[in-house]
Each structure stands twice: as C-alpha cells, then as structure tokens.
C-alpha cells in the first residue's frame, strides 16, 4: 500500500479526510462551525502530521482551554466534587 509523504497510507488519509468532512457536516446541522484552530488540528491529523492519540489530546486540550474540565467519568478531566474523597 502506498504511503503519503507523512507516513500514513492513502487509505488512512482518505478515512481521516472523510471523518473531517463528516464532522463539519454534523456541526453544520447544529448551526455550529469549526474555528481556525480546530480546523488546523483536523488538517494536521488528515495530513498525517499527528497520530490519533495526538489528535485526541489536541482536541481535548483545546476544549478544556475554552470550556473548562468536562465532567465525564473516565476522561481524567472530571472536576473534584466536594463530597467525593
């Protein structure tokens, strides 16, 4: 299988491109849009500059910086509740 210049296969690059297109389409359904910074992270991932783990971490950091910790069990970012130990 042919690799792109960044080391991912053309098939993987196509999958990542499709994920980006689907994300943009889903956001538009809710009248939301990716800003320039988020688009850059998606572009870096689709181009093979960052791997899946780095992509997830970058999006998580962006969201946490903008919106604060997301209280979801198991994501490692849940705020400490005063009643928990």
PDB file of N, CA and C in Angstrom:
ATOM      1  N   UNK A   1       0.850  -1.180   0.000  1.00  0.00           N
ATOM      2  CA  UNK A   1       0.000   0.000   0.000  1.00  0.00           C
ATOM      3  C   UNK A   1       0.889   1.233   0.000  1.00  0.00           C
ATOM      4  N   UNK A   2       0.554   2.206  -0.807  1.00  0.00           N
ATOM      5  CA  UNK A   2       1.348   3.420  -0.934  1.00  0.00           C
ATOM      6  C   UNK A   2       1.206   4.304   0.299  1.00  0.00           C
ATOM      7  N   UNK A   3       2.332   4.850   0.720  1.00  0.00           N
ATOM      8  CA  UNK A   3       2.339   5.776   1.848  1.00  0.00           C
ATOM      9  C   UNK A   3       2.379   7.205   1.337  1.00  0.00           C
ATOM     10  N   UNK A   4       1.786   8.099   2.106  1.00  0.00           N
ATOM     11  CA  UNK A   4       1.893   9.515   1.775  1.00  0.00           C
ATOM     12  C   UNK A   4       3.254  10.004   2.256  1.00  0.00           C
ATOM     13  N   UNK A   5       3.593  11.228   1.968  1.00  0.00           N
ATOM     14  CA  UNK A   5       4.888  11.775   2.378  1.00  0.00           C
ATOM     15  C   UNK A   5       5.032  11.856   3.894  1.00  0.00           C
ATOM     16  N   UNK A   6       3.925  11.790   4.618  1.00  0.00           N
ATOM     17  CA  UNK A   6       3.984  11.861   6.082  1.00  0.00           C
ATOM     18  C   UNK A   6       3.888  10.492   6.734  1.00  0.00           C
ATOM     19  N   UNK A   7       3.902   9.428   5.938  1.00  0.00           N
ATOM     20  CA  UNK A   7       3.990   8.098   6.510  1.00  0.00           C
ATOM     21  C   UNK A   7       2.680   7.368   6.734  1.00  0.00           C
ATOM     22  N   UNK A   8       1.551   7.971   6.424  1.00  0.00           N
ATOM     23  CA  UNK A   8       0.295   7.228   6.522  1.00  0.00           C
ATOM     24  C   UNK A   8      -0.103   6.773   5.125  1.00  0.00           C
ATOM     25  N   UNK A   9      -0.893   5.724   5.062  1.00  0.00           N
ATOM     26  CA  UNK A   9      -1.322   5.229   3.759  1.00  0.00           C
ATOM     27  C   UNK A   9      -2.351   6.163   3.143  1.00  0.00           C
ATOM     28  N   UNK A  10      -2.486   6.064   1.845  1.00  0.00           N
ATOM     29  CA  UNK A  10      -3.520   6.850   1.153  1.00  0.00           C
ATOM     30  C   UNK A  10      -4.894   6.481   1.704  1.00  0.00           C
ATOM     31  N   UNK A  11      -5.093   5.191   2.003  1.00  0.00           N
ATOM     32  CA  UNK A  11      -6.376   4.746   2.555  1.00  0.00           C
ATOM     33  C   UNK A  11      -6.635   5.420   3.907  1.00  0.00           C
ATOM     34  N   UNK A  12      -5.615   5.466   4.762  1.00  0.00           N
ATOM     35  CA  UNK A  12      -5.774   6.120   6.067  1.00  0.00           C
ATOM     36  C   UNK A  12      -6.029   7.607   5.890  1.00  0.00           C
ATOM     37  N   UNK A  13      -5.344   8.231   4.958  1.00  0.00           N
ATOM     38  CA  UNK A  13      -5.567   9.651   4.713  1.00  0.00           C
ATOM     39  C   UNK A  13      -7.000   9.898   4.248  1.00  0.00           C
ATOM     40  N   UNK A  14      -7.525   9.016   3.394  1.00  0.00           N
ATOM     41  CA  UNK A  14      -8.902   9.138   2.919  1.00  0.00           C
ATOM     42  C   UNK A  14      -9.884   8.984   4.075  1.00  0.00           C
ATOM     43  N   UNK A  15      -9.633   8.035   4.950  1.00  0.00           N
ATOM     44  CA  UNK A  15     -10.501   7.826   6.117  1.00  0.00           C
ATOM     45  C   UNK A  15     -10.509   9.078   6.997  1.00  0.00           C
ATOM     46  N   UNK A  16      -9.338   9.655   7.217  1.00  0.00           N
ATOM     47  CA  UNK A  16      -9.242  10.858   8.049  1.00  0.00           C
ATOM     48  C   UNK A  16      -9.927  12.046   7.388  1.00  0.00           C
ATOM     49  N   UNK A  17      -9.785  12.173   6.083  1.00  0.00           N
ATOM     50  CA  UNK A  17     -10.469  13.243   5.345  1.00  0.00           C
ATOM     51  C   UNK A  17     -11.985  13.088   5.469  1.00  0.00           C
ATOM     52  N   UNK A  18     -12.466  11.859   5.337  1.00  0.00           N
ATOM     53  CA  UNK A  18     -13.906  11.596   5.441  1.00  0.00           C
ATOM     54  C   UNK A  18     -14.413  11.910   6.843  1.00  0.00           C
ATOM     55  N   UNK A  19     -13.614  11.616   7.853  1.00  0.00           N
ATOM     56  CA  UNK A  19     -14.008  11.930   9.231  1.00  0.00           C
ATOM     57  C   UNK A  19     -14.126  13.445   9.420  1.00  0.00           C
ATOM     58  N   UNK A  20     -13.205  14.181   8.832  1.00  0.00           N
ATOM     59  CA  UNK A  20     -13.253  15.638   8.906  1.00  0.00           C
ATOM     60  C   UNK A  20     -14.518  16.166   8.222  1.00  0.00           C
ATOM     61  N   UNK A  21     -14.796  15.691   7.024  1.00  0.00           N
ATOM     62  CA  UNK A  21     -15.982  16.127   6.278  1.00  0.00           C
ATOM     63  C   UNK A  21     -17.254  15.801   7.064  1.00  0.00           C
ATOM     64  N   UNK A  22     -17.315  14.614   7.651  1.00  0.00           N
ATOM     65  CA  UNK A  22     -18.486  14.221   8.445  1.00  0.00           C
ATOM     66  C   UNK A  22     -18.641  15.102   9.675  1.00  0.00           C
ATOM     67  N   UNK A  23     -17.525  15.444  10.314  1.00  0.00           N
ATOM     68  CA  UNK A  23     -17.573  16.319  11.485  1.00  0.00           C
ATOM     69  C   UNK A  23     -18.123  17.694  11.116  1.00  0.00           C
ATOM     70  N   UNK A  24     -17.617  18.253  10.032  1.00  0.00           N
ATOM     71  CA  UNK A  24     -18.089  19.570   9.582  1.00  0.00           C
ATOM     72  C   UNK A  24     -19.576  19.514   9.249  1.00  0.00           C
ATOM     73  N   UNK A  25     -20.002  18.461   8.564  1.00  0.00           N
ATOM     74  CA  UNK A  25     -21.416  18.322   8.196  1.00  0.00           C
ATOM     75  C   UNK A  25     -22.294  18.201   9.438  1.00  0.00           C
ATOM     76  N   UNK A  26     -21.865  17.409  10.412  1.00  0.00           N
ATOM     77  CA  UNK A  26     -22.655  17.251  11.635  1.00  0.00           C
ATOM     78  C   UNK A  26     -22.754  18.563  12.411  1.00  0.00           C
ATOM     79  N   UNK A  27     -21.667  19.301  12.459  1.00  0.00           N
ATOM     80  CA  UNK A  27     -21.704  20.593  13.139  1.00  0.00           C
ATOM     81  C   UNK A  27     -22.638  21.569  12.433  1.00  0.00           C
ATOM     82  N   UNK A  28     -22.613  21.560  11.113  1.00  0.00           N
ATOM     83  CA  UNK A  28     -23.489  22.462  10.362  1.00  0.00           C
ATOM     84  C   UNK A  28     -24.958  22.168  10.620  1.00  0.00           C
ATOM     85  N   UNK A  29     -25.286  20.894  10.847  1.00  0.00           N
ATOM     86  CA  UNK A  29     -26.671  20.551  11.175  1.00  0.00           C
ATOM     87  C   UNK A  29     -27.139  21.260  12.441  1.00  0.00           C
ATOM     88  N   UNK A  30     -26.190  21.512  13.338  1.00  0.00           N
ATOM     89  CA  UNK A  30     -26.500  22.203  14.595  1.00  0.00           C
ATOM     90  C   UNK A  30     -26.182  23.696  14.510  1.00  0.00           C
ATOM     91  N   UNK A  31     -25.911  24.187  13.306  1.00  0.00           N
ATOM     92  CA  UNK A  31     -25.533  25.574  13.069  1.00  0.00           C
ATOM     93  C   UNK A  31     -24.273  25.955  13.856  1.00  0.00           C
ATOM     94  N   UNK A  32     -23.320  25.008  13.915  1.00  0.00           N
ATOM     95  CA  UNK A  32     -22.035  25.233  14.555  1.00  0.00           C
ATOM     96  C   UNK A  32     -20.940  25.101  13.502  1.00  0.00           C
ATOM     97  N   UNK A  33     -19.770  25.637  13.808  1.00  0.00           N
ATOM     98  CA  UNK A  33     -18.672  25.602  12.846  1.00  0.00           C
ATOM     99  C   UNK A  33     -17.351  25.434  13.573  1.00  0.00           C
ATOM    100  N   UNK A  34     -16.399  24.780  12.914  1.00  0.00           N
ATOM    101  CA  UNK A  34     -15.047  24.683  13.453  1.00  0.00           C
ATOM    102  C   UNK A  34     -14.332  26.009  13.231  1.00  0.00           C
ATOM    103  N   UNK A  35     -13.638  26.469  14.247  1.00  0.00           N
ATOM    104  CA  UNK A  35     -12.842  27.677  14.066  1.00  0.00           C
ATOM    105  C   UNK A  35     -11.500  27.317  13.436  1.00  0.00           C
ATOM    106  N   UNK A  36     -10.691  28.310  13.200  1.00  0.00           N
ATOM    107  CA  UNK A  36      -9.411  28.122  12.512  1.00  0.00           C
ATOM    108  C   UNK A  36      -8.486  27.172  13.276  1.00  0.00           C
ATOM    109  N   UNK A  37      -8.426  27.286  14.581  1.00  0.00           N
ATOM    110  CA  UNK A  37      -7.537  26.428  15.372  1.00  0.00           C
ATOM    111  C   UNK A  37      -7.978  24.970  15.312  1.00  0.00           C
ATOM    112  N   UNK A  38      -9.276  24.718  15.450  1.00  0.00           N
ATOM    113  CA  UNK A  38      -9.790  23.348  15.378  1.00  0.00           C
ATOM    114  C   UNK A  38      -9.583  22.770  13.981  1.00  0.00           C
ATOM    115  N   UNK A  39      -9.821  23.579  12.953  1.00  0.00           N
ATOM    116  CA  UNK A  39      -9.594  23.111  11.579  1.00  0.00           C
ATOM    117  C   UNK A  39      -8.127  22.744  11.369  1.00  0.00           C
ATOM    118  N   UNK A  40      -7.238  23.500  11.968  1.00  0.00           N
ATOM    119  CA  UNK A  40      -5.813  23.203  11.860  1.00  0.00           C
ATOM    120  C   UNK A  40      -5.448  21.865  12.472  1.00  0.00           C
ATOM    121  N   UNK A  41      -6.069  21.556  13.607  1.00  0.00           N
ATOM    122  CA  UNK A  41      -5.826  20.262  14.256  1.00  0.00           C
ATOM    123  C   UNK A  41      -6.348  19.136  13.365  1.00  0.00           C
ATOM    124  N   UNK A  42      -7.556  19.293  12.841  1.00  0.00           N
ATOM    125  CA  UNK A  42      -8.107  18.290  11.934  1.00  0.00           C
ATOM    126  C   UNK A  42      -7.230  18.130  10.701  1.00  0.00           C
ATOM    127  N   UNK A  43      -6.753  19.249  10.146  1.00  0.00           N
ATOM    128  CA  UNK A  43      -5.911  19.212   8.941  1.00  0.00           C
ATOM    129  C   UNK A  43      -4.607  18.476   9.225  1.00  0.00           C
ATOM    130  N   UNK A  44      -3.992  18.755  10.376  1.00  0.00           N
ATOM    131  CA  UNK A  44      -2.756  18.070  10.753  1.00  0.00           C
ATOM    132  C   UNK A  44      -2.965  16.568  10.866  1.00  0.00           C
ATOM    133  N   UNK A  45      -4.100  16.178  11.393  1.00  0.00           N
ATOM    134  CA  UNK A  45      -4.415  14.753  11.519  1.00  0.00           C
ATOM    135  C   UNK A  45      -4.649  14.131  10.151  1.00  0.00           C
ATOM    136  N   UNK A  46      -5.458  14.788   9.322  1.00  0.00           N
ATOM    137  CA  UNK A  46      -5.757  14.251   7.989  1.00  0.00           C
ATOM    138  C   UNK A  46      -4.496  14.160   7.136  1.00  0.00           C
ATOM    139  N   UNK A  47      -3.568  15.080   7.328  1.00  0.00           N
ATOM    140  CA  UNK A  47      -2.328  15.083   6.554  1.00  0.00           C
ATOM    141  C   UNK A  47      -1.281  14.114   7.106  1.00  0.00           C
ATOM    142  N   UNK A  48      -1.580  13.494   8.253  1.00  0.00           N
ATOM    143  CA  UNK A  48      -0.645  12.536   8.832  1.00  0.00           C
ATOM    144  C   UNK A  48       0.450  13.156   9.664  1.00  0.00           C
ATOM    145  N   UNK A  49       0.333  14.440   9.983  1.00  0.00           N
ATOM    146  CA  UNK A  49       1.346  15.118  10.785  1.00  0.00           C
ATOM    147  C   UNK A  49       1.253  14.723  12.252  1.00  0.00           C
ATOM    148  N   UNK A  50       0.040  14.378  12.699  1.00  0.00           N
ATOM    149  CA  UNK A  50      -0.166  13.900  14.072  1.00  0.00           C
ATOM    150  C   UNK A  50      -0.960  12.611  14.009  1.00  0.00           C
ATOM    151  N   UNK A  51      -0.727  11.721  14.988  1.00  0.00           N
ATOM    152  CA  UNK A  51      -1.438  10.444  15.015  1.00  0.00           C
ATOM    153  C   UNK A  51      -2.761  10.578  15.774  1.00  0.00           C
ATOM    154  N   UNK A  52      -3.485   9.481  15.886  1.00  0.00           N
ATOM    155  CA  UNK A  52      -4.801   9.503  16.535  1.00  0.00           C
ATOM    156  C   UNK A  52      -4.715   9.983  17.987  1.00  0.00           C
ATOM    157  N   UNK A  53      -3.705   9.509  18.711  1.00  0.00           N
ATOM    158  CA  UNK A  53      -3.554   9.897  20.116  1.00  0.00           C
ATOM    159  C   UNK A  53      -3.269  11.398  20.230  1.00  0.00           C
ATOM    160  N   UNK A  54      -2.370  11.901  19.399  1.00  0.00           N
ATOM    161  CA  UNK A  54      -2.045  13.335  19.428  1.00  0.00           C
ATOM    162  C   UNK A  54      -3.248  14.183  19.023  1.00  0.00           C
ATOM    163  N   UNK A  55      -4.021  13.699  18.055  1.00  0.00           N
ATOM    164  CA  UNK A  55      -5.237  14.395  17.627  1.00  0.00           C
ATOM    165  C   UNK A  55      -6.222  14.506  18.782  1.00  0.00           C
ATOM    166  N   UNK A  56      -6.481  13.374  19.422  1.00  0.00           N
ATOM    167  CA  UNK A  56      -7.428  13.356  20.542  1.00  0.00           C
ATOM    168  C   UNK A  56      -6.959  14.271  21.668  1.00  0.00           C
ATOM    169  N   UNK A  57      -5.679  14.220  21.972  1.00  0.00           N
ATOM    170  CA  UNK A  57      -5.132  15.071  23.035  1.00  0.00           C
ATOM    171  C   UNK A  57      -5.244  16.551  22.664  1.00  0.00           C
ATOM    172  N   UNK A  58      -4.949  16.885  21.412  1.00  0.00           N
ATOM    173  CA  UNK A  58      -5.010  18.286  20.982  1.00  0.00           C
ATOM    174  C   UNK A  58      -6.433  18.826  21.043  1.00  0.00           C
ATOM    175  N   UNK A  59      -7.404  18.028  20.596  1.00  0.00           N
ATOM    176  CA  UNK A  59      -8.806  18.458  20.662  1.00  0.00           C
ATOM    177  C   UNK A  59      -9.249  18.565  22.119  1.00  0.00           C
ATOM    178  N   UNK A  60      -8.852  17.602  22.945  1.00  0.00           N
ATOM    179  CA  UNK A  60      -9.195  17.653  24.365  1.00  0.00           C
ATOM    180  C   UNK A  60      -8.623  18.886  25.045  1.00  0.00           C
ATOM    181  N   UNK A  61      -7.366  19.199  24.758  1.00  0.00           N
ATOM    182  CA  UNK A  61      -6.732  20.387  25.335  1.00  0.00           C
ATOM    183  C   UNK A  61      -7.410  21.671  24.862  1.00  0.00           C
ATOM    184  N   UNK A  62      -7.750  21.720  23.586  1.00  0.00           N
ATOM    185  CA  UNK A  62      -8.447  22.889  23.043  1.00  0.00           C
ATOM    186  C   UNK A  62      -9.787  23.080  23.747  1.00  0.00           C
ATOM    187  N   UNK A  63     -10.553  22.014  23.858  1.00  0.00           N
ATOM    188  CA  UNK A  63     -11.851  22.100  24.526  1.00  0.00           C
ATOM    189  C   UNK A  63     -11.717  22.479  25.989  1.00  0.00           C
ATOM    190  N   UNK A  64     -10.736  21.885  26.674  1.00  0.00           N
ATOM    191  CA  UNK A  64     -10.569  22.205  28.092  1.00  0.00           C
ATOM    192  C   UNK A  64     -10.138  23.657  28.277  1.00  0.00           C
ATOM    193  N   UNK A  65      -9.296  24.144  27.409  1.00  0.00           N
ATOM    194  CA  UNK A  65      -8.849  25.535  27.480  1.00  0.00           C
ATOM    195  C   UNK A  65     -10.023  26.491  27.273  1.00  0.00           C
ATOM    196  N   UNK A  66     -10.920  26.124  26.376  1.00  0.00           N
ATOM    197  CA  UNK A  66     -12.043  27.005  26.067  1.00  0.00           C
ATOM    198  C   UNK A  66     -13.225  26.861  27.018  1.00  0.00           C
ATOM    199  N   UNK A  67     -13.507  25.620  27.425  1.00  0.00           N
ATOM    200  CA  UNK A  67     -14.741  25.364  28.161  1.00  0.00           C
ATOM    201  C   UNK A  67     -14.520  24.852  29.579  1.00  0.00           C
ATOM    202  N   UNK A  68     -13.293  24.596  29.967  1.00  0.00           N
ATOM    203  CA  UNK A  68     -13.008  24.051  31.281  1.00  0.00           C
ATOM    204  C   UNK A  68     -13.149  22.546  31.288  1.00  0.00           C
ATOM    205  N   UNK A  69     -12.908  21.928  32.445  1.00  0.00           N
ATOM    206  CA  UNK A  69     -12.997  20.469  32.542  1.00  0.00           C
ATOM    207  C   UNK A  69     -14.396  19.971  32.198  1.00  0.00           C
ATOM    208  N   UNK A  70     -14.447  18.874  31.498  1.00  0.00           N
ATOM    209  CA  UNK A  70     -15.721  18.258  31.147  1.00  0.00           C
ATOM    210  C   UNK A  70     -15.970  17.127  32.137  1.00  0.00           C
ATOM    211  N   UNK A  71     -17.049  17.213  32.916  1.00  0.00           N
ATOM    212  CA  UNK A  71     -17.303  16.209  33.949  1.00  0.00           C
ATOM    213  C   UNK A  71     -17.862  14.901  33.377  1.00  0.00           C
ATOM    214  N   UNK A  72     -16.994  14.143  32.698  1.00  0.00           N
ATOM    215  CA  UNK A  72     -17.381  12.858  32.136  1.00  0.00           C
ATOM    216  C   UNK A  72     -16.540  11.791  32.808  1.00  0.00           C
ATOM    217  N   UNK A  73     -17.171  10.787  33.347  1.00  0.00           N
ATOM    218  CA  UNK A  73     -16.466   9.724  34.039  1.00  0.00           C
ATOM    219  C   UNK A  73     -15.431   9.072  33.137  1.00  0.00           C
ATOM    220  N   UNK A  74     -14.221   8.926  33.662  1.00  0.00           N
ATOM    221  CA  UNK A  74     -13.185   8.190  32.967  1.00  0.00           C
ATOM    222  C   UNK A  74     -12.321   8.976  32.019  1.00  0.00           C
ATOM    223  N   UNK A  75     -12.584  10.273  31.820  1.00  0.00           N
ATOM    224  CA  UNK A  75     -11.753  11.016  30.874  1.00  0.00           C
ATOM    225  C   UNK A  75     -10.560  11.684  31.555  1.00  0.00           C
ATOM    226  N   UNK A  76     -10.446  11.540  32.869  1.00  0.00           N
ATOM    227  CA  UNK A  76      -9.313  12.110  33.573  1.00  0.00           C
ATOM    228  C   UNK A  76      -9.394  13.606  33.780  1.00  0.00           C
ATOM    229  N   UNK A  77     -10.495  14.227  33.375  1.00  0.00           N
ATOM    230  CA  UNK A  77     -10.628  15.681  33.497  1.00  0.00           C
ATOM    231  C   UNK A  77     -11.809  16.081  34.375  1.00  0.00           C
ATOM    232  N   UNK A  78     -12.429  15.135  35.026  1.00  0.00           N
ATOM    233  CA  UNK A  78     -13.591  15.448  35.844  1.00  0.00           C
ATOM    234  C   UNK A  78     -13.174  16.306  37.034  1.00  0.00           C
ATOM    235  N   UNK A  79     -13.900  17.389  37.279  1.00  0.00           N
ATOM    236  CA  UNK A  79     -13.574  18.216  38.436  1.00  0.00           C
ATOM    237  C   UNK A  79     -13.852  17.450  39.723  1.00  0.00           C
ATOM    238  N   UNK A  80     -13.077  17.717  40.746  1.00  0.00           N
ATOM    239  CA  UNK A  80     -13.248  17.067  42.037  1.00  0.00           C
ATOM    240  C   UNK A  80     -14.513  17.608  42.699  1.00  0.00           C
ATOM    241  N   UNK A  81     -15.379  16.721  43.096  1.00  0.00           N
ATOM    242  CA  UNK A  81     -16.602  17.139  43.775  1.00  0.00           C
ATOM    243  C   UNK A  81     -16.315  17.227  45.281  1.00  0.00           C
ATOM    244  N   UNK A  82     -16.879  18.219  45.953  1.00  0.00           N
ATOM    245  CA  UNK A  82     -16.590  18.393  47.376  1.00  0.00           C
ATOM    246  C   UNK A  82     -17.011  17.202  48.231  1.00  0.00           C
ATOM    247  N   UNK A  83     -17.994  16.436  47.797  1.00  0.00           N
ATOM    248  CA  UNK A  83     -18.477  15.315  48.594  1.00  0.00           C
ATOM    249  C   UNK A  83     -17.758  14.019  48.285  1.00  0.00           C
ATOM    250  N   UNK A  84     -16.867  14.020  47.281  1.00  0.00           N
ATOM    251  CA  UNK A  84     -16.152  12.774  46.986  1.00  0.00           C
ATOM    252  C   UNK A  84     -14.787  12.801  47.632  1.00  0.00           C
ATOM    253  N   UNK A  85     -14.250  11.620  47.847  1.00  0.00           N
ATOM    254  CA  UNK A  85     -12.946  11.554  48.512  1.00  0.00           C
ATOM    255  C   UNK A  85     -11.805  11.411  47.565  1.00  0.00           C
TER     256      UNK A  85
END
